[in-house]
């Protein structure tokens, strides 16, 4: 079953906000308030399935908390 998107937390949200457009800042802040990741990448823009992205994250960063 496809996940649809990869959501990530931000290590330094303020730095991300400072470098983002007004629209991206508002969207990231709204997502965070709703309990979603600060950065959400739609699967259609990744060039690989969300499952493959999660597998790669687990492989390259075994200590990284990854939640499907």
N, C-alpha and C. Protein backbone atom coordinates (compact mmCIF):
# COMPACT_ATOMS: atom_id res chain seq x y z
N UNK A 1 0.85 -1.18 0.00
CA UNK A 1 0.00 0.00 0.00
C UNK A 1 0.89 1.24 0.00
N UNK A 2 0.75 2.14 -0.95
CA UNK A 2 1.59 3.33 -1.01
C UNK A 2 1.30 4.27 0.15
N UNK A 3 2.35 4.91 0.62
CA UNK A 3 2.22 5.84 1.73
C UNK A 3 1.74 7.22 1.27
N UNK A 4 2.11 7.62 0.08
CA UNK A 4 1.67 8.90 -0.43
C UNK A 4 2.62 10.05 -0.20
N UNK A 5 3.37 10.01 0.90
CA UNK A 5 4.30 11.12 1.20
C UNK A 5 5.30 10.66 2.24
N UNK A 6 6.41 11.36 2.28
CA UNK A 6 7.40 11.17 3.33
C UNK A 6 7.40 12.45 4.16
N UNK A 7 7.11 12.31 5.44
CA UNK A 7 7.08 13.46 6.35
C UNK A 7 8.32 13.40 7.24
N UNK A 8 8.99 14.51 7.41
CA UNK A 8 10.18 14.54 8.25
C UNK A 8 10.07 15.64 9.29
N UNK A 9 10.75 15.41 10.39
CA UNK A 9 10.90 16.46 11.38
C UNK A 9 12.06 17.35 10.94
N UNK A 10 12.12 18.53 11.47
CA UNK A 10 13.19 19.46 11.12
C UNK A 10 14.15 19.60 12.29
N UNK A 11 15.44 19.45 12.02
CA UNK A 11 16.44 19.58 13.07
C UNK A 11 16.49 21.02 13.57
N UNK A 12 16.39 21.97 12.66
CA UNK A 12 16.44 23.38 13.01
C UNK A 12 15.31 24.11 12.29
N UNK A 13 14.09 24.04 12.84
CA UNK A 13 12.94 24.63 12.14
C UNK A 13 13.11 26.11 11.85
N UNK A 14 13.70 26.87 12.76
CA UNK A 14 13.85 28.31 12.54
C UNK A 14 14.73 28.60 11.33
N UNK A 15 15.78 27.82 11.15
CA UNK A 15 16.64 28.00 9.98
C UNK A 15 15.88 27.67 8.70
N UNK A 16 15.09 26.59 8.74
CA UNK A 16 14.28 26.22 7.59
C UNK A 16 13.30 27.33 7.25
N UNK A 17 12.62 27.87 8.28
CA UNK A 17 11.66 28.94 8.06
C UNK A 17 12.33 30.17 7.46
N UNK A 18 13.52 30.50 7.95
CA UNK A 18 14.22 31.69 7.47
C UNK A 18 14.58 31.58 5.99
N UNK A 19 14.80 30.36 5.52
CA UNK A 19 15.21 30.16 4.13
C UNK A 19 14.04 29.85 3.19
N UNK A 20 12.85 29.74 3.75
CA UNK A 20 11.68 29.35 2.97
C UNK A 20 10.83 30.55 2.57
N UNK A 21 10.02 30.33 1.55
CA UNK A 21 9.07 31.36 1.14
C UNK A 21 7.98 31.50 2.22
N UNK A 22 7.25 32.58 2.15
CA UNK A 22 6.18 32.81 3.12
C UNK A 22 5.21 31.64 3.11
N UNK A 23 4.83 31.17 1.93
CA UNK A 23 3.87 30.08 1.80
C UNK A 23 4.42 28.79 2.43
N UNK A 24 5.67 28.46 2.16
CA UNK A 24 6.27 27.24 2.72
C UNK A 24 6.35 27.33 4.24
N UNK A 25 6.66 28.50 4.77
CA UNK A 25 6.70 28.70 6.23
C UNK A 25 5.33 28.45 6.85
N UNK A 26 4.31 29.04 6.26
CA UNK A 26 2.95 28.88 6.80
C UNK A 26 2.52 27.42 6.76
N UNK A 27 2.80 26.75 5.66
CA UNK A 27 2.42 25.35 5.51
C UNK A 27 3.17 24.47 6.51
N UNK A 28 4.48 24.68 6.67
CA UNK A 28 5.27 23.89 7.61
C UNK A 28 4.80 24.12 9.05
N UNK A 29 4.51 25.36 9.40
CA UNK A 29 4.04 25.65 10.76
C UNK A 29 2.67 25.04 11.01
N UNK A 30 1.79 25.10 10.02
CA UNK A 30 0.47 24.50 10.16
C UNK A 30 0.58 22.99 10.31
N UNK A 31 1.43 22.35 9.52
CA UNK A 31 1.64 20.91 9.62
C UNK A 31 2.15 20.55 11.01
N UNK A 32 3.10 21.32 11.53
CA UNK A 32 3.65 21.05 12.85
C UNK A 32 2.57 21.17 13.93
N UNK A 33 1.73 22.19 13.82
CA UNK A 33 0.64 22.37 14.80
C UNK A 33 -0.34 21.21 14.76
N UNK A 34 -0.52 20.62 13.59
CA UNK A 34 -1.45 19.50 13.44
C UNK A 34 -0.80 18.15 13.78
N UNK A 35 0.49 18.18 14.11
CA UNK A 35 1.18 16.96 14.49
C UNK A 35 1.86 16.23 13.36
N UNK A 36 1.92 16.84 12.19
CA UNK A 36 2.62 16.24 11.05
C UNK A 36 4.06 16.72 11.02
N UNK A 37 4.86 16.12 10.14
CA UNK A 37 6.24 16.54 10.00
C UNK A 37 6.34 17.96 9.47
N UNK A 38 7.42 18.61 9.80
CA UNK A 38 7.62 19.98 9.34
C UNK A 38 7.84 20.07 7.84
N UNK A 39 8.29 18.98 7.25
CA UNK A 39 8.53 18.95 5.81
C UNK A 39 7.89 17.68 5.27
N UNK A 40 6.99 17.83 4.33
CA UNK A 40 6.28 16.69 3.74
C UNK A 40 6.57 16.65 2.25
N UNK A 41 7.09 15.52 1.81
CA UNK A 41 7.48 15.35 0.40
C UNK A 41 6.51 14.38 -0.26
N UNK A 42 5.68 14.86 -1.18
CA UNK A 42 4.76 13.95 -1.87
C UNK A 42 5.52 12.89 -2.66
N UNK A 43 5.03 11.68 -2.59
CA UNK A 43 5.69 10.56 -3.26
C UNK A 43 5.85 10.83 -4.75
N UNK A 44 4.93 11.55 -5.35
CA UNK A 44 5.00 11.82 -6.79
C UNK A 44 6.18 12.70 -7.16
N UNK A 45 6.80 13.38 -6.19
CA UNK A 45 7.94 14.26 -6.49
C UNK A 45 9.28 13.61 -6.15
N UNK A 46 9.27 12.40 -5.59
CA UNK A 46 10.50 11.80 -5.08
C UNK A 46 11.29 10.99 -6.10
N UNK A 47 10.64 10.45 -7.11
CA UNK A 47 11.36 9.62 -8.07
C UNK A 47 11.54 8.18 -7.57
N UNK A 48 11.02 7.89 -6.39
CA UNK A 48 11.05 6.55 -5.82
C UNK A 48 9.85 6.46 -4.89
N UNK A 49 9.46 5.23 -4.60
CA UNK A 49 8.30 5.08 -3.69
C UNK A 49 8.71 5.49 -2.28
N UNK A 50 7.72 5.86 -1.49
CA UNK A 50 7.99 6.23 -0.11
C UNK A 50 8.61 5.05 0.65
N UNK A 51 8.19 3.82 0.33
CA UNK A 51 8.76 2.64 0.98
C UNK A 51 10.26 2.53 0.69
N UNK A 52 10.67 2.81 -0.56
CA UNK A 52 12.09 2.76 -0.90
C UNK A 52 12.87 3.86 -0.18
N UNK A 53 12.26 5.02 -0.05
CA UNK A 53 12.92 6.11 0.68
C UNK A 53 13.12 5.70 2.14
N UNK A 54 12.10 5.12 2.75
CA UNK A 54 12.22 4.68 4.15
C UNK A 54 13.28 3.59 4.30
N UNK A 55 13.32 2.66 3.36
CA UNK A 55 14.35 1.62 3.40
C UNK A 55 15.74 2.23 3.32
N UNK A 56 15.92 3.20 2.43
CA UNK A 56 17.23 3.86 2.30
C UNK A 56 17.59 4.61 3.57
N UNK A 57 16.63 5.29 4.17
CA UNK A 57 16.90 6.00 5.43
C UNK A 57 17.33 5.01 6.52
N UNK A 58 16.63 3.90 6.62
CA UNK A 58 16.99 2.89 7.62
C UNK A 58 18.38 2.32 7.36
N UNK A 59 18.71 2.12 6.09
CA UNK A 59 20.01 1.54 5.72
C UNK A 59 21.16 2.52 6.03
N UNK A 60 21.01 3.77 5.65
CA UNK A 60 22.10 4.74 5.79
C UNK A 60 22.18 5.37 7.18
N UNK A 61 21.08 5.36 7.90
CA UNK A 61 21.03 5.96 9.24
C UNK A 61 20.27 5.02 10.17
N UNK A 62 20.90 3.90 10.59
CA UNK A 62 20.19 2.91 11.39
C UNK A 62 19.62 3.45 12.71
N UNK A 63 20.23 4.48 13.27
CA UNK A 63 19.75 5.03 14.55
C UNK A 63 18.66 6.08 14.37
N UNK A 64 18.39 6.46 13.13
CA UNK A 64 17.37 7.47 12.86
C UNK A 64 15.99 6.88 13.11
N UNK A 65 15.18 7.55 13.94
CA UNK A 65 13.83 7.02 14.15
C UNK A 65 12.99 7.20 12.89
N UNK A 66 12.59 6.12 12.29
CA UNK A 66 11.79 6.14 11.06
C UNK A 66 10.47 5.43 11.36
N UNK A 67 9.37 6.13 11.15
CA UNK A 67 8.05 5.58 11.43
C UNK A 67 7.24 5.55 10.14
N UNK A 68 6.89 4.35 9.68
CA UNK A 68 6.08 4.27 8.44
C UNK A 68 4.66 4.78 8.66
